């Protein structure tokens, strides 16, 4: 079925870039996104944080440099 929809210019540019990088037609990228949405693949479970994030023997007195904070909170 053929349909028409308005896509914001920036989103359209991003879509064209993604398709070019993957070497696939934009149609395929759009259909993949629609299929994922219908299958619920975009839904990710929310993880609850356990506090405190950084343990201390004396809470409220922990002194860290920006570099130490970056190391402790690095997302890998």
Protein backbone atom coordinates (compact mmCIF):
# COMPACT_ATOMS: atom_id res chain seq x y z
CA UNK A 1 0.00 0.00 0.00
CA UNK A 2 1.28 3.45 -0.82
CA UNK A 3 0.94 6.27 1.68
CA UNK A 4 2.13 9.84 2.13
CA UNK A 5 3.37 11.44 5.34
CA UNK A 6 5.15 14.59 6.41
CA UNK A 7 8.61 14.01 7.90
CA UNK A 8 10.54 16.89 9.46
CA UNK A 9 13.48 17.99 7.31
CA UNK A 10 16.10 17.07 9.92
CA UNK A 11 14.59 13.60 10.40
CA UNK A 12 14.51 13.08 6.65
CA UNK A 13 18.19 14.05 6.36
CA UNK A 14 19.08 11.66 9.19
CA UNK A 15 17.12 8.90 7.46
CA UNK A 16 18.94 9.49 4.16
CA UNK A 17 22.31 9.40 5.94
CA UNK A 18 21.46 6.19 7.80
CA UNK A 19 20.27 4.51 4.60
CA UNK A 20 23.43 5.56 2.78
CA UNK A 21 25.67 4.29 5.57
CA UNK A 22 23.90 0.94 5.60
CA UNK A 23 23.77 0.79 1.80
CA UNK A 24 20.02 0.21 1.90
CA UNK A 25 17.04 2.03 0.43
CA UNK A 26 15.28 4.47 2.75
CA UNK A 27 12.10 2.44 2.28
CA UNK A 28 13.76 -0.55 3.94
CA UNK A 29 14.93 1.53 6.91
CA UNK A 30 11.45 3.01 7.40
CA UNK A 31 9.75 -0.38 7.15
CA UNK A 32 12.22 -1.85 9.66
CA UNK A 33 11.39 0.93 12.11
CA UNK A 34 7.67 0.43 11.64
CA UNK A 35 8.02 -3.32 12.15
CA UNK A 36 10.04 -2.83 15.35
CA UNK A 37 7.40 -0.45 16.67
CA UNK A 38 4.64 -2.94 15.93
CA UNK A 39 6.57 -5.77 17.58
CA UNK A 40 7.33 -3.66 20.63
CA UNK A 41 11.10 -4.01 20.16
CA UNK A 42 11.53 -0.34 21.07
CA UNK A 43 10.18 -0.93 24.55
CA UNK A 44 13.03 -1.47 26.95
CA UNK A 45 12.51 -2.29 30.60
CA UNK A 46 13.23 0.55 32.99
CA UNK A 47 16.00 -0.29 35.40
CA UNK A 48 15.71 1.12 38.88
CA UNK A 49 18.82 2.70 40.31
CA UNK A 50 20.13 1.52 43.62
CA UNK A 51 21.29 4.35 45.83
CA UNK A 52 23.86 5.41 46.71
CA UNK A 53 25.46 5.24 43.28
CA UNK A 54 28.91 5.78 44.78
CA UNK A 55 29.54 4.11 48.13
CA UNK A 56 31.26 6.00 50.93
CA UNK A 57 32.24 5.07 54.48
CA UNK A 58 31.21 8.60 55.49
CA UNK A 59 28.21 9.63 53.32
CA UNK A 60 28.16 13.29 52.43
CA UNK A 61 31.91 13.70 52.80
CA UNK A 62 33.16 12.01 49.64
CA UNK A 63 35.44 14.30 47.65
CA UNK A 64 36.10 13.31 44.07
CA UNK A 65 37.80 14.98 41.13
CA UNK A 66 35.96 15.28 37.83
CA UNK A 67 38.21 12.54 36.43
CA UNK A 68 37.29 10.18 39.28
CA UNK A 69 33.60 10.90 38.76
CA UNK A 70 33.98 10.16 35.05
CA UNK A 71 35.64 6.82 35.83
CA UNK A 72 32.98 5.82 38.36
CA UNK A 73 30.04 6.77 36.17
CA UNK A 74 31.36 5.57 32.80
CA UNK A 75 28.70 3.81 30.76
CA UNK A 76 30.12 0.83 28.95
